[in-house]
Amino acid sequence: MNVSVFVTGLLMGLSLIVAIGAQNAFVLRQGLRREHVFAVCLACALSDAVLIVLGVTSFRQIAALLPWLDPVMRYGGAAFLILYGARSFRSALLSSGTLAAAEANPSSFRRTLATCLALTWLNPHVYLDTVMLLGTVSTRFPGGEASFAAGAASGSFLFFFALGYGAGGLRPIFANPSAWRVLEALIAVTMWMIAYRLVSGA
């Protein structure tokens, strides 16, 4: 295994997945409620791993058949990340929201898992992040695709389980609106850095 490529995949996976969205908010909410946490984290991480492998193993073949697809996805992905970063930056400047654990009645295991899978597989951003963006970046490492995919998938497992089981300790932090603003600002910078790498090939 190529360690440097593995680390690159790990960091890329973490950079993309850290953005707060419906899926991550759901995992955080379940962690705060301490409800079906392991199943939710495992479902999210395994789903990401499947999509990452699909992107890394198939994107090069698709790009070979459609040579125009790689630059289109590279610049299209960069444009999306720039806009996403701008949205996060705007949220950092204007948001006054906080995160609070819901006090509703506990949900059944089946309903919780169905909601988790729907938020994962019906979210177009998941496909853009895993199949398209990570698939595109993996083409920069000929022969090291497996290491890159393993790193990116490891990032998903690390993030989701840390988020789910660490949520209890985050409750007092995210009761403060400033914490969300700092997080959104970091997300914006991260997205813009990834966009720059995609466009420049750095």
N, C-alpha and C. Protein backbone atom coordinates (compact mmCIF):
# COMPACT_ATOMS: atom_id res chain seq x y z
N MET A 1 0.84 -1.21 0.00
CA MET A 1 0.00 0.00 0.00
C MET A 1 0.87 1.25 0.00
N ASN A 2 0.48 2.21 -0.81
CA ASN A 2 1.19 3.49 -0.87
C ASN A 2 0.67 4.39 0.25
N VAL A 3 1.51 4.60 1.27
CA VAL A 3 1.07 5.33 2.46
C VAL A 3 0.72 6.78 2.15
N SER A 4 1.53 7.43 1.32
CA SER A 4 1.26 8.84 1.02
C SER A 4 -0.05 9.00 0.27
N VAL A 5 -0.35 8.08 -0.65
CA VAL A 5 -1.62 8.14 -1.38
C VAL A 5 -2.78 7.82 -0.44
N PHE A 6 -2.57 6.87 0.48
CA PHE A 6 -3.59 6.54 1.48
C PHE A 6 -3.93 7.78 2.32
N VAL A 7 -2.89 8.49 2.76
CA VAL A 7 -3.10 9.69 3.58
C VAL A 7 -3.82 10.77 2.77
N THR A 8 -3.45 10.91 1.50
CA THR A 8 -4.12 11.88 0.64
C THR A 8 -5.61 11.55 0.52
N GLY A 9 -5.91 10.26 0.30
CA GLY A 9 -7.31 9.84 0.23
C GLY A 9 -8.04 10.08 1.53
N LEU A 10 -7.37 9.80 2.64
CA LEU A 10 -7.96 10.02 3.96
C LEU A 10 -8.31 11.49 4.16
N LEU A 11 -7.37 12.38 3.86
CA LEU A 11 -7.59 13.81 4.05
C LEU A 11 -8.65 14.35 3.09
N MET A 12 -8.64 13.86 1.85
CA MET A 12 -9.66 14.30 0.89
C MET A 12 -11.05 13.84 1.34
N GLY A 13 -11.13 12.59 1.79
CA GLY A 13 -12.41 12.08 2.26
C GLY A 13 -12.94 12.87 3.44
N LEU A 14 -12.06 13.14 4.40
CA LEU A 14 -12.47 13.91 5.57
C LEU A 14 -12.85 15.33 5.19
N SER A 15 -12.11 15.94 4.26
CA SER A 15 -12.40 17.32 3.87
C SER A 15 -13.78 17.44 3.24
N LEU A 16 -14.16 16.46 2.43
CA LEU A 16 -15.45 16.51 1.77
C LEU A 16 -16.60 16.18 2.72
N ILE A 17 -16.37 15.20 3.59
CA ILE A 17 -17.47 14.71 4.42
C ILE A 17 -17.76 15.60 5.62
N VAL A 18 -16.80 16.45 6.00
CA VAL A 18 -16.99 17.26 7.20
C VAL A 18 -18.06 18.34 7.01
N ALA A 19 -18.38 18.66 5.75
CA ALA A 19 -19.40 19.68 5.51
C ALA A 19 -20.73 19.26 6.15
N ILE A 20 -21.30 20.17 6.94
CA ILE A 20 -22.56 19.88 7.60
C ILE A 20 -23.69 19.84 6.57
N GLY A 21 -24.36 18.71 6.51
CA GLY A 21 -25.50 18.54 5.63
C GLY A 21 -26.55 17.71 6.32
N ALA A 22 -27.56 17.28 5.56
CA ALA A 22 -28.66 16.54 6.16
C ALA A 22 -28.18 15.23 6.80
N GLN A 23 -27.28 14.53 6.12
CA GLN A 23 -26.79 13.25 6.63
C GLN A 23 -26.01 13.43 7.92
N ASN A 24 -25.06 14.35 7.91
CA ASN A 24 -24.24 14.57 9.10
C ASN A 24 -25.06 15.11 10.26
N ALA A 25 -26.01 15.99 9.96
CA ALA A 25 -26.87 16.51 11.01
C ALA A 25 -27.69 15.39 11.64
N PHE A 26 -28.12 14.43 10.82
CA PHE A 26 -28.89 13.30 11.33
C PHE A 26 -28.03 12.43 12.25
N VAL A 27 -26.80 12.14 11.83
CA VAL A 27 -25.89 11.35 12.66
C VAL A 27 -25.62 12.07 13.98
N LEU A 28 -25.39 13.39 13.90
CA LEU A 28 -25.14 14.17 15.10
C LEU A 28 -26.35 14.14 16.03
N ARG A 29 -27.53 14.27 15.44
CA ARG A 29 -28.77 14.23 16.23
C ARG A 29 -28.94 12.87 16.93
N GLN A 30 -28.67 11.79 16.20
CA GLN A 30 -28.80 10.46 16.81
C GLN A 30 -27.77 10.27 17.92
N GLY A 31 -26.57 10.83 17.71
CA GLY A 31 -25.55 10.74 18.75
C GLY A 31 -25.94 11.51 19.99
N LEU A 32 -26.53 12.69 19.79
CA LEU A 32 -26.98 13.49 20.93
C LEU A 32 -28.09 12.77 21.70
N ARG A 33 -28.93 12.04 20.97
CA ARG A 33 -30.03 11.31 21.61
C ARG A 33 -29.59 9.93 22.10
N ARG A 34 -28.34 9.49 21.68
CA ARG A 34 -27.82 8.16 22.02
C ARG A 34 -28.81 7.07 21.57
N GLU A 35 -29.24 7.16 20.33
CA GLU A 35 -30.27 6.27 19.80
C GLU A 35 -29.79 5.61 18.50
N HIS A 36 -29.61 4.28 18.52
CA HIS A 36 -29.20 3.50 17.34
C HIS A 36 -27.93 4.07 16.71
N VAL A 37 -27.02 4.50 17.54
CA VAL A 37 -25.83 5.22 17.04
C VAL A 37 -24.95 4.32 16.18
N PHE A 38 -24.67 3.10 16.66
CA PHE A 38 -23.76 2.21 15.92
C PHE A 38 -24.31 1.89 14.54
N ALA A 39 -25.60 1.53 14.46
CA ALA A 39 -26.20 1.17 13.18
C ALA A 39 -26.19 2.34 12.20
N VAL A 40 -26.49 3.53 12.71
CA VAL A 40 -26.51 4.72 11.85
C VAL A 40 -25.11 5.03 11.31
N CYS A 41 -24.12 5.00 12.19
CA CYS A 41 -22.74 5.28 11.77
C CYS A 41 -22.25 4.24 10.76
N LEU A 42 -22.56 2.97 11.04
CA LEU A 42 -22.12 1.89 10.15
C LEU A 42 -22.78 2.00 8.78
N ALA A 43 -24.06 2.31 8.76
CA ALA A 43 -24.79 2.43 7.49
C ALA A 43 -24.21 3.56 6.64
N CYS A 44 -23.93 4.70 7.27
CA CYS A 44 -23.37 5.84 6.54
C CYS A 44 -21.97 5.51 6.02
N ALA A 45 -21.14 4.92 6.85
CA ALA A 45 -19.75 4.63 6.47
C ALA A 45 -19.68 3.58 5.37
N LEU A 46 -20.49 2.52 5.49
CA LEU A 46 -20.49 1.47 4.46
C LEU A 46 -21.02 2.01 3.13
N SER A 47 -22.04 2.84 3.19
CA SER A 47 -22.59 3.43 1.97
C SER A 47 -21.52 4.28 1.27
N ASP A 48 -20.81 5.09 2.04
CA ASP A 48 -19.73 5.90 1.48
C ASP A 48 -18.66 5.01 0.85
N ALA A 49 -18.29 3.94 1.56
CA ALA A 49 -17.24 3.05 1.06
C ALA A 49 -17.63 2.43 -0.28
N VAL A 50 -18.88 1.99 -0.40
CA VAL A 50 -19.36 1.41 -1.66
C VAL A 50 -19.27 2.43 -2.79
N LEU A 51 -19.71 3.65 -2.53
CA LEU A 51 -19.70 4.69 -3.56
C LEU A 51 -18.28 5.13 -3.92
N ILE A 52 -17.39 5.17 -2.92
CA ILE A 52 -16.00 5.53 -3.18
C ILE A 52 -15.33 4.49 -4.07
N VAL A 53 -15.53 3.21 -3.75
CA VAL A 53 -14.96 2.14 -4.57
C VAL A 53 -15.51 2.21 -5.99
N LEU A 54 -16.81 2.46 -6.11
CA LEU A 54 -17.43 2.59 -7.43
C LEU A 54 -16.78 3.72 -8.23
N GLY A 55 -16.59 4.87 -7.58
CA GLY A 55 -15.99 6.01 -8.26
C GLY A 55 -14.55 5.75 -8.66
N VAL A 56 -13.76 5.18 -7.75
CA VAL A 56 -12.34 4.96 -8.01
C VAL A 56 -12.11 3.88 -9.06
N THR A 57 -12.93 2.83 -9.05
CA THR A 57 -12.72 1.72 -9.98
C THR A 57 -13.34 1.97 -11.35
N SER A 58 -14.36 2.79 -11.40
CA SER A 58 -15.10 2.94 -12.66
C SER A 58 -14.84 4.27 -13.37
N PHE A 59 -14.44 5.29 -12.63
CA PHE A 59 -14.33 6.61 -13.25
C PHE A 59 -13.29 6.62 -14.35
N ARG A 60 -12.16 5.95 -14.16
CA ARG A 60 -11.10 5.94 -15.18
C ARG A 60 -11.61 5.28 -16.46
N GLN A 61 -12.35 4.17 -16.32
CA GLN A 61 -12.87 3.48 -17.50
C GLN A 61 -13.87 4.35 -18.25
N ILE A 62 -14.73 5.01 -17.48
CA ILE A 62 -15.72 5.90 -18.11
C ILE A 62 -15.01 7.06 -18.80
N ALA A 63 -13.99 7.62 -18.13
CA ALA A 63 -13.25 8.74 -18.70
C ALA A 63 -12.52 8.33 -19.98
N ALA A 64 -12.06 7.05 -20.05
CA ALA A 64 -11.38 6.57 -21.26
C ALA A 64 -12.35 6.51 -22.44
N LEU A 65 -13.59 6.14 -22.16
CA LEU A 65 -14.60 6.08 -23.22
C LEU A 65 -15.11 7.47 -23.57
N LEU A 66 -15.14 8.35 -22.58
CA LEU A 66 -15.63 9.72 -22.77
C LEU A 66 -14.55 10.69 -22.31
N PRO A 67 -13.54 10.96 -23.14
CA PRO A 67 -12.40 11.77 -22.70
C PRO A 67 -12.77 13.18 -22.24
N TRP A 68 -13.90 13.69 -22.69
CA TRP A 68 -14.31 15.02 -22.29
C TRP A 68 -14.89 15.05 -20.87
N LEU A 69 -15.18 13.84 -20.31
CA LEU A 69 -15.85 13.80 -19.01
C LEU A 69 -14.94 14.26 -17.88
N ASP A 70 -13.66 13.90 -17.95
CA ASP A 70 -12.74 14.26 -16.85
C ASP A 70 -12.64 15.77 -16.67
N PRO A 71 -12.33 16.56 -17.73
CA PRO A 71 -12.28 18.01 -17.50
C PRO A 71 -13.62 18.61 -17.12
N VAL A 72 -14.71 18.06 -17.68
CA VAL A 72 -16.03 18.57 -17.32
C VAL A 72 -16.30 18.37 -15.83
N MET A 73 -16.02 17.15 -15.34
CA MET A 73 -16.25 16.86 -13.93
C MET A 73 -15.27 17.63 -13.04
N ARG A 74 -14.04 17.79 -13.53
CA ARG A 74 -13.04 18.51 -12.74
C ARG A 74 -13.46 19.97 -12.52
N TYR A 75 -13.80 20.65 -13.62
CA TYR A 75 -14.17 22.06 -13.51
C TYR A 75 -15.58 22.24 -12.96
N GLY A 76 -16.47 21.31 -13.31
CA GLY A 76 -17.81 21.36 -12.74
C GLY A 76 -17.79 21.13 -11.24
N GLY A 77 -16.98 20.16 -10.81
CA GLY A 77 -16.84 19.90 -9.38
C GLY A 77 -16.22 21.08 -8.66
N ALA A 78 -15.23 21.71 -9.30
CA ALA A 78 -14.61 22.89 -8.69
C ALA A 78 -15.61 24.02 -8.54
N ALA A 79 -16.44 24.21 -9.57
CA ALA A 79 -17.46 25.27 -9.51
C ALA A 79 -18.44 25.00 -8.37
N PHE A 80 -18.85 23.73 -8.24
CA PHE A 80 -19.76 23.38 -7.16
C PHE A 80 -19.13 23.66 -5.80
N LEU A 81 -17.87 23.29 -5.64
CA LEU A 81 -17.19 23.48 -4.36
C LEU A 81 -17.01 24.96 -4.04
N ILE A 82 -16.76 25.76 -5.06
CA ILE A 82 -16.64 27.21 -4.83
C ILE A 82 -17.97 27.77 -4.33
N LEU A 83 -19.07 27.36 -4.97
CA LEU A 83 -20.39 27.82 -4.55
C LEU A 83 -20.75 27.29 -3.17
N TYR A 84 -20.42 26.03 -2.91
CA TYR A 84 -20.70 25.43 -1.61
C TYR A 84 -19.91 26.17 -0.53
N GLY A 85 -18.66 26.46 -0.83
CA GLY A 85 -17.84 27.19 0.12
C GLY A 85 -18.40 28.58 0.38
N ALA A 86 -18.90 29.23 -0.68
CA ALA A 86 -19.49 30.55 -0.52
C ALA A 86 -20.72 30.49 0.38
N ARG A 87 -21.51 29.42 0.22
CA ARG A 87 -22.70 29.27 1.06
C ARG A 87 -22.31 29.08 2.52
N SER A 88 -21.26 28.28 2.75
CA SER A 88 -20.79 28.07 4.12
C SER A 88 -20.23 29.36 4.70
N PHE A 89 -19.50 30.12 3.86
CA PHE A 89 -18.92 31.38 4.33
C PHE A 89 -20.02 32.38 4.68
N ARG A 90 -21.07 32.41 3.86
CA ARG A 90 -22.21 33.28 4.15
C ARG A 90 -22.87 32.87 5.46
N SER A 91 -22.99 31.56 5.66
CA SER A 91 -23.58 31.06 6.90
C SER A 91 -22.72 31.44 8.09
N ALA A 92 -21.39 31.41 7.91
CA ALA A 92 -20.49 31.77 9.00
C ALA A 92 -20.67 33.23 9.39
N LEU A 93 -20.98 34.07 8.40
CA LEU A 93 -21.15 35.50 8.68
C LEU A 93 -22.51 35.83 9.27
N LEU A 94 -23.54 35.10 8.83
CA LEU A 94 -24.90 35.51 9.16
C LEU A 94 -25.64 34.58 10.11
N SER A 95 -25.21 33.33 10.20
CA SER A 95 -25.99 32.36 10.96
C SER A 95 -25.98 32.66 12.45
N SER A 96 -27.13 32.43 13.08
CA SER A 96 -27.22 32.54 14.53
C SER A 96 -27.82 31.27 15.12
N GLY A 97 -27.81 30.20 14.29
CA GLY A 97 -28.43 28.94 14.72
C GLY A 97 -27.58 28.16 15.70
N THR A 98 -28.22 27.28 16.41
CA THR A 98 -27.55 26.37 17.32
C THR A 98 -28.09 24.98 17.08
N LEU A 99 -27.42 24.00 17.64
CA LEU A 99 -27.87 22.62 17.55
C LEU A 99 -28.35 22.18 18.92
N ALA A 100 -29.55 21.63 18.96
CA ALA A 100 -30.08 21.11 20.22
C ALA A 100 -30.60 19.71 19.99
N ALA A 101 -30.44 18.87 20.96
CA ALA A 101 -30.95 17.50 20.86
C ALA A 101 -32.47 17.53 20.88
N ALA A 102 -33.06 16.76 19.97
CA ALA A 102 -34.51 16.70 19.92
C ALA A 102 -35.04 15.95 21.13
N GLU A 103 -36.18 16.37 21.61
CA GLU A 103 -36.78 15.75 22.77
C GLU A 103 -37.98 14.87 22.40
N ALA A 104 -38.07 14.53 21.12
CA ALA A 104 -39.21 13.73 20.67
C ALA A 104 -39.09 12.30 21.20
N ASN A 105 -40.18 11.53 21.02
CA ASN A 105 -40.18 10.15 21.45
C ASN A 105 -39.18 9.35 20.61
N PRO A 106 -38.58 8.30 21.18
CA PRO A 106 -37.60 7.50 20.44
C PRO A 106 -38.19 6.91 19.17
N SER A 107 -37.40 6.85 18.12
CA SER A 107 -37.82 6.25 16.85
C SER A 107 -37.43 4.78 16.84
N SER A 108 -38.18 3.97 16.09
CA SER A 108 -37.87 2.55 15.99
C SER A 108 -36.57 2.37 15.20
N PHE A 109 -35.94 1.22 15.39
CA PHE A 109 -34.70 0.93 14.67
C PHE A 109 -34.94 0.94 13.17
N ARG A 110 -36.02 0.32 12.71
CA ARG A 110 -36.30 0.24 11.28
C ARG A 110 -36.51 1.63 10.67
N ARG A 111 -37.28 2.44 11.36
CA ARG A 111 -37.55 3.79 10.84
C ARG A 111 -36.28 4.63 10.84
N THR A 112 -35.48 4.52 11.88
CA THR A 112 -34.24 5.28 11.95
C THR A 112 -33.29 4.90 10.83
N LEU A 113 -33.14 3.59 10.59
CA LEU A 113 -32.23 3.12 9.54
C LEU A 113 -32.74 3.52 8.16
N ALA A 114 -34.05 3.44 7.95
CA ALA A 114 -34.63 3.84 6.66
C ALA A 114 -34.38 5.32 6.40
N THR A 115 -34.54 6.14 7.41
CA THR A 115 -34.29 7.57 7.26
C THR A 115 -32.82 7.83 6.95
N CYS A 116 -31.94 7.13 7.64
CA CYS A 116 -30.50 7.28 7.43
C CYS A 116 -30.12 6.93 5.99
N LEU A 117 -30.63 5.80 5.49
CA LEU A 117 -30.30 5.36 4.14
C LEU A 117 -30.88 6.31 3.09
N ALA A 118 -32.07 6.83 3.36
CA ALA A 118 -32.68 7.77 2.42
C ALA A 118 -31.85 9.06 2.34
N LEU A 119 -31.41 9.56 3.48
CA LEU A 119 -30.59 10.77 3.49
C LEU A 119 -29.25 10.56 2.79
N THR A 120 -28.79 9.29 2.77
CA THR A 120 -27.52 8.97 2.12
C THR A 120 -27.68 8.76 0.62
N TRP A 121 -28.56 7.83 0.24
CA TRP A 121 -28.64 7.40 -1.16
C TRP A 121 -29.50 8.30 -2.03
N LEU A 122 -30.34 9.13 -1.43
CA LEU A 122 -31.16 10.04 -2.22
C LEU A 122 -30.59 11.45 -2.27
N ASN A 123 -29.39 11.62 -1.74
CA ASN A 123 -28.74 12.93 -1.71
C ASN A 123 -27.76 13.03 -2.88
N PRO A 124 -28.03 13.88 -3.87
CA PRO A 124 -27.12 13.98 -5.03
C PRO A 124 -25.72 14.43 -4.66
N HIS A 125 -25.57 15.18 -3.57
CA HIS A 125 -24.23 15.63 -3.17
C HIS A 125 -23.34 14.45 -2.80
N VAL A 126 -23.94 13.38 -2.28
CA VAL A 126 -23.15 12.20 -1.92
C VAL A 126 -22.48 11.61 -3.16
N TYR A 127 -23.21 11.55 -4.26
CA TYR A 127 -22.65 11.01 -5.51
C TYR A 127 -21.58 11.94 -6.08
N LEU A 128 -21.81 13.23 -5.97
CA LEU A 128 -20.82 14.18 -6.47
C LEU A 128 -19.52 14.05 -5.68
N ASP A 129 -19.65 13.96 -4.34
CA ASP A 129 -18.46 13.88 -3.49
C ASP A 129 -17.69 12.58 -3.68
N THR A 130 -18.42 11.45 -3.64
CA THR A 130 -17.76 10.15 -3.63
C THR A 130 -17.42 9.64 -5.02
N VAL A 131 -18.42 9.52 -5.87
CA VAL A 131 -18.19 8.94 -7.19
C VAL A 131 -17.45 9.90 -8.11
N MET A 132 -17.92 11.14 -8.17
CA MET A 132 -17.36 12.08 -9.14
C MET A 132 -16.06 12.73 -8.68
N LEU A 133 -16.12 13.46 -7.54
CA LEU A 133 -14.93 14.20 -7.10
C LEU A 133 -13.78 13.26 -6.70
N LEU A 134 -14.07 12.30 -5.84
CA LEU A 134 -13.00 11.38 -5.42
C LEU A 134 -12.56 10.50 -6.58
N GLY A 135 -13.50 10.13 -7.45
CA GLY A 135 -13.13 9.36 -8.63
C GLY A 135 -12.20 10.16 -9.53
N THR A 136 -12.49 11.45 -9.70
CA THR A 136 -11.64 12.31 -10.52
C THR A 136 -10.24 12.45 -9.91
N VAL A 137 -10.18 12.72 -8.61
CA VAL A 137 -8.88 12.91 -7.96
C VAL A 137 -8.06 11.62 -7.99
N SER A 138 -8.71 10.47 -7.89
CA SER A 138 -7.99 9.20 -7.87
C SER A 138 -7.24 8.94 -9.17
N THR A 139 -7.68 9.56 -10.28
CA THR A 139 -6.99 9.34 -11.56
C THR A 139 -5.61 9.98 -11.56
N ARG A 140 -5.32 10.82 -10.58
CA ARG A 140 -3.99 11.43 -10.49
C ARG A 140 -2.97 10.47 -9.88
N PHE A 141 -3.41 9.28 -9.44
CA PHE A 141 -2.51 8.33 -8.78
C PHE A 141 -2.56 6.98 -9.48
N PRO A 142 -2.03 6.89 -10.71
CA PRO A 142 -2.05 5.62 -11.44
C PRO A 142 -1.36 4.52 -10.64
N GLY A 143 -2.05 3.42 -10.46
CA GLY A 143 -1.50 2.31 -9.69
C GLY A 143 -1.73 2.43 -8.20
N GLY A 144 -2.15 3.60 -7.76
CA GLY A 144 -2.39 3.80 -6.33
C GLY A 144 -3.85 4.00 -5.99
N GLU A 145 -4.74 3.64 -6.93
CA GLU A 145 -6.17 3.86 -6.72
C GLU A 145 -6.68 3.12 -5.49
N ALA A 146 -6.20 1.89 -5.27
CA ALA A 146 -6.67 1.11 -4.12
C ALA A 146 -6.29 1.79 -2.81
N SER A 147 -5.08 2.33 -2.74
CA SER A 147 -4.65 3.03 -1.54
C SER A 147 -5.48 4.28 -1.32
N PHE A 148 -5.76 4.99 -2.41
CA PHE A 148 -6.57 6.21 -2.31
C PHE A 148 -7.98 5.88 -1.82
N ALA A 149 -8.59 4.85 -2.41
CA ALA A 149 -9.94 4.45 -2.01
C ALA A 149 -9.96 4.00 -0.55
N ALA A 150 -8.95 3.23 -0.14
CA ALA A 150 -8.88 2.76 1.25
C ALA A 150 -8.77 3.95 2.21
N GLY A 151 -7.98 4.94 1.83
CA GLY A 151 -7.84 6.13 2.67
C GLY A 151 -9.13 6.91 2.78
N ALA A 152 -9.79 7.13 1.63
CA ALA A 152 -11.05 7.89 1.64
C ALA A 152 -12.13 7.15 2.42
N ALA A 153 -12.22 5.83 2.24
CA ALA A 153 -13.22 5.05 2.98
C ALA A 153 -12.91 5.05 4.48
N SER A 154 -11.63 4.98 4.83
CA SER A 154 -11.25 5.05 6.24
C SER A 154 -11.66 6.38 6.85
N GLY A 155 -11.54 7.44 6.04
CA GLY A 155 -11.97 8.76 6.51
C GLY A 155 -13.45 8.78 6.85
N SER A 156 -14.26 8.10 6.03
CA SER A 156 -15.70 8.04 6.30
C SER A 156 -15.99 7.30 7.60
N PHE A 157 -15.35 6.14 7.79
CA PHE A 157 -15.56 5.39 9.03
C PHE A 157 -15.11 6.20 10.23
N LEU A 158 -13.95 6.82 10.14
CA LEU A 158 -13.43 7.62 11.24
C LEU A 158 -14.36 8.77 11.57
N PHE A 159 -14.81 9.47 10.54
CA PHE A 159 -15.65 10.65 10.77
C PHE A 159 -17.00 10.27 11.37
N PHE A 160 -17.70 9.33 10.76
CA PHE A 160 -19.05 9.03 11.21
C PHE A 160 -19.08 8.47 12.63
N PHE A 161 -18.15 7.58 12.96
CA PHE A 161 -18.15 7.02 14.31
C PHE A 161 -17.70 8.06 15.33
N ALA A 162 -16.76 8.92 14.94
CA ALA A 162 -16.35 10.00 15.85
C ALA A 162 -17.50 10.97 16.07
N LEU A 163 -18.23 11.26 15.00
CA LEU A 163 -19.35 12.19 15.10
C LEU A 163 -20.48 11.60 15.94
N GLY A 164 -20.83 10.35 15.66
CA GLY A 164 -21.93 9.72 16.38
C GLY A 164 -21.66 9.54 17.86
N TYR A 165 -20.47 9.02 18.18
CA TYR A 165 -20.16 8.73 19.58
C TYR A 165 -19.57 9.92 20.32
N GLY A 166 -19.11 10.92 19.58
CA GLY A 166 -18.58 12.11 20.23
C GLY A 166 -19.60 13.20 20.40
N ALA A 167 -20.83 12.94 19.93
CA ALA A 167 -21.86 13.98 19.94
C ALA A 167 -22.20 14.45 21.35
N GLY A 168 -22.18 13.52 22.30
CA GLY A 168 -22.52 13.90 23.67
C GLY A 168 -21.61 14.98 24.20
N GLY A 169 -20.32 14.88 23.87
CA GLY A 169 -19.38 15.89 24.33
C GLY A 169 -19.49 17.20 23.59
N LEU A 170 -20.14 17.15 22.40
CA LEU A 170 -20.28 18.36 21.60
C LEU A 170 -21.51 19.18 21.99
N ARG A 171 -22.41 18.60 22.78
CA ARG A 171 -23.65 19.29 23.11
C ARG A 171 -23.42 20.70 23.67
N PRO A 172 -22.56 20.88 24.68
CA PRO A 172 -22.38 22.24 25.19
C PRO A 172 -21.69 23.18 24.20
N ILE A 173 -20.85 22.61 23.32
CA ILE A 173 -20.14 23.45 22.35
C ILE A 173 -21.11 24.02 21.33
N PHE A 174 -21.97 23.15 20.77
CA PHE A 174 -22.86 23.60 19.70
C PHE A 174 -24.13 24.25 20.22
N ALA A 175 -24.20 24.45 21.53
CA ALA A 175 -25.26 25.30 22.07
C ALA A 175 -24.90 26.77 21.86
N ASN A 176 -23.65 27.00 21.46
CA ASN A 176 -23.15 28.35 21.22
C ASN A 176 -23.13 28.63 19.72
N PRO A 177 -23.86 29.63 19.23
CA PRO A 177 -23.88 29.94 17.79
C PRO A 177 -22.49 30.20 17.21
N SER A 178 -21.57 30.69 18.02
CA SER A 178 -20.22 30.99 17.51
C SER A 178 -19.52 29.72 17.03
N ALA A 179 -19.81 28.59 17.68
CA ALA A 179 -19.18 27.33 17.29
C ALA A 179 -19.59 26.95 15.87
N TRP A 180 -20.86 27.14 15.54
CA TRP A 180 -21.32 26.85 14.18
C TRP A 180 -20.66 27.79 13.17
N ARG A 181 -20.50 29.06 13.54
CA ARG A 181 -19.90 30.01 12.60
C ARG A 181 -18.44 29.65 12.31
N VAL A 182 -17.71 29.26 13.34
CA VAL A 182 -16.32 28.85 13.14
C VAL A 182 -16.25 27.61 12.25
N LEU A 183 -17.12 26.63 12.51
CA LEU A 183 -17.14 25.41 11.72
C LEU A 183 -17.47 25.71 10.25
N GLU A 184 -18.46 26.54 10.01
CA GLU A 184 -18.85 26.89 8.65
C GLU A 184 -17.71 27.61 7.93
N ALA A 185 -16.97 28.46 8.64
CA ALA A 185 -15.84 29.17 8.04
C ALA A 185 -14.74 28.17 7.64
N LEU A 186 -14.46 27.20 8.49
CA LEU A 186 -13.47 26.18 8.18
C LEU A 186 -13.90 25.34 6.99
N ILE A 187 -15.19 25.03 6.91
CA ILE A 187 -15.71 24.27 5.78
C ILE A 187 -15.52 25.06 4.48
N ALA A 188 -15.81 26.36 4.53
CA ALA A 188 -15.66 27.20 3.34
C ALA A 188 -14.22 27.19 2.83
N VAL A 189 -13.28 27.38 3.73
CA VAL A 189 -11.86 27.39 3.34
C VAL A 189 -11.46 26.03 2.76
N THR A 190 -11.91 24.96 3.38
CA THR A 190 -11.58 23.62 2.90
C THR A 190 -12.13 23.39 1.50
N MET A 191 -13.38 23.74 1.27
CA MET A 191 -13.99 23.56 -0.05
C MET A 191 -13.23 24.33 -1.12
N TRP A 192 -12.83 25.57 -0.81
CA TRP A 192 -12.11 26.39 -1.78
C TRP A 192 -10.72 25.82 -2.07
N MET A 193 -10.08 25.25 -1.07
CA MET A 193 -8.77 24.64 -1.27
C MET A 193 -8.88 23.42 -2.20
N ILE A 194 -9.91 22.61 -1.99
CA ILE A 194 -10.11 21.43 -2.84
C ILE A 194 -10.41 21.87 -4.28
N ALA A 195 -11.23 22.92 -4.43
CA ALA A 195 -11.55 23.44 -5.77
C ALA A 195 -10.27 23.88 -6.47
N TYR A 196 -9.39 24.55 -5.74
CA TYR A 196 -8.12 25.01 -6.33
C TYR A 196 -7.27 23.82 -6.79
N ARG A 197 -7.24 22.76 -5.98
CA ARG A 197 -6.45 21.58 -6.35
C ARG A 197 -7.01 20.92 -7.61
N LEU A 198 -8.33 20.85 -7.70
CA LEU A 198 -8.96 20.25 -8.88
C LEU A 198 -8.61 21.01 -10.15
N VAL A 199 -8.69 22.33 -10.09
CA VAL A 199 -8.46 23.16 -11.27
C VAL A 199 -6.98 23.22 -11.63
N SER A 200 -6.12 23.34 -10.63
CA SER A 200 -4.68 23.52 -10.89
C SER A 200 -3.94 22.21 -11.07
N GLY A 201 -4.55 21.11 -10.57
CA GLY A 201 -3.85 19.82 -10.61
C GLY A 201 -2.73 19.73 -9.62
N ALA A 202 -2.73 20.64 -8.63
CA ALA A 202 -1.64 20.68 -7.64
C ALA A 202 -1.72 19.48 -6.72
